[in-house]
Amino acid sequence: MKIVTIIGARPQFIKASVLSNLIKNESHVEEVIIHTGQHFDSMMSDVFFNDLDIPKPKYNLNISSLSHGAMTGRMIEEIEKILIDEKPDLTLVYGDTNSTLSGALASSKLHIPVAHIESGLRSFNTNMPEEINRKLTDHISKYLFCPTLQSLKNLLKENIVDNVELVGDIMYDSFLHYSKLSNREYSTNNLLNLKPKDYCLLTLHRQENTNNFSNIYSLFIILKIISNNYGYKFVFPMHPRIALFLMNNNFNFKEFENIQFISPVSYLDMIELEKNSKIILTDSGGVQKEAFWANVPCITLREETEWVELLNTGMNILTGMYCDEIFKAFSNFISKESIDLNLYGDGKTGQKILDCLR
């Protein structure tokens, strides 16, 4: 059996690592990895293959920094050529990026079955490119692997019923495994001299949040106020796009001494930053879940989330980029007690998926 795995963005490397490492032990299964290049920065890409022990991609398309339409079109064209040469039995796609949709479209038009991992998620905000990508991918996939009961229900509402499996969240497999390896002597936490629960973590990457300088500046102002009130500093690993955006807008980094602006970090370092932070602020879907698994309260800088079950736990609050809401949520979370609740499976999602595909 030959499987083509299509990945292109940091969260997909994390998810793919689980199945790739399981496939290594399957003598009758061959995996061919295509890296679209959607994340091109070495700390957003190359270091992940090393940290997660993922086989080096056989193909790297180096397609990035284009509009959504141009990027998707280029990817479809290049992926199609590879699929014609490789003649796989199955294509694996993950999540909701342009790489996901491109791989699914190219495969379906060649009548190659598509397996969509992390299927059925819905934010119900069609202004998000990710929402379009995930919905279209679900409707052309043959195998649909759902991480949560709600994602399964979403597919049923759209009359997608064949080959749908509730398997749990494959990122949970990865988090459990790599969190045991994250405490290292030369970690980001040690290099920055960070003390557990003495800082908060910020991540920001969605275009709707990072293409408006006024919104970003207002966020930093409220973080400065929070820091002055509660004494916590913030660590901000910057996505390359936002770092460039800030520099192009002549941003004065020295104005915000309460924020440590750092380069993107490895997955192991990110887990350690998450586990030891007091509160996490993010617009990332993956980081929302990792915060929950690390038992750290999460302020989600969006007005909706596809991980709706997190809102019911009290460990996640939606604030958007509204400063008053961010301050209120932070104040509520200062004395938040941890909870013991499992929403995402038993940590054996990868094996369940592989068993279904045999």
Foldseek 3Di string as FASTA:
>chain_A
DEEEEWEEWQVSLLLVLLLQVVVVPPPVYHYAYEHANQPPDCLTPVVSCVLSVHPDHPYYNNQYDDPLVVSLVSLLVVLLVVCVVVVGQEYEYEAFHSRRQSNLVSCLVVVRAYEYAQAQFAQPDVVASSRVRRVNSLVRHQAYEHQFPNSVVSCVVVVNDHNYYDQFHSSLLSLVVLLVVLDDCPAPCVVVVHFFQQAEEEEEDGPVQQVDPVLVVVLLVLQQVVCVVPVHAYEYAYDVVSVVVCVVVVHDPVVRPSYHYHHRHHPSNVLVNLLRYQEYEYQDQVSLVSNLVSQHAYEHQCPTHSPVVSVVVVSYDYDHSDSVSVSVNVVVSNPDDGDDDDGTHDSCSSVVVVVSVD
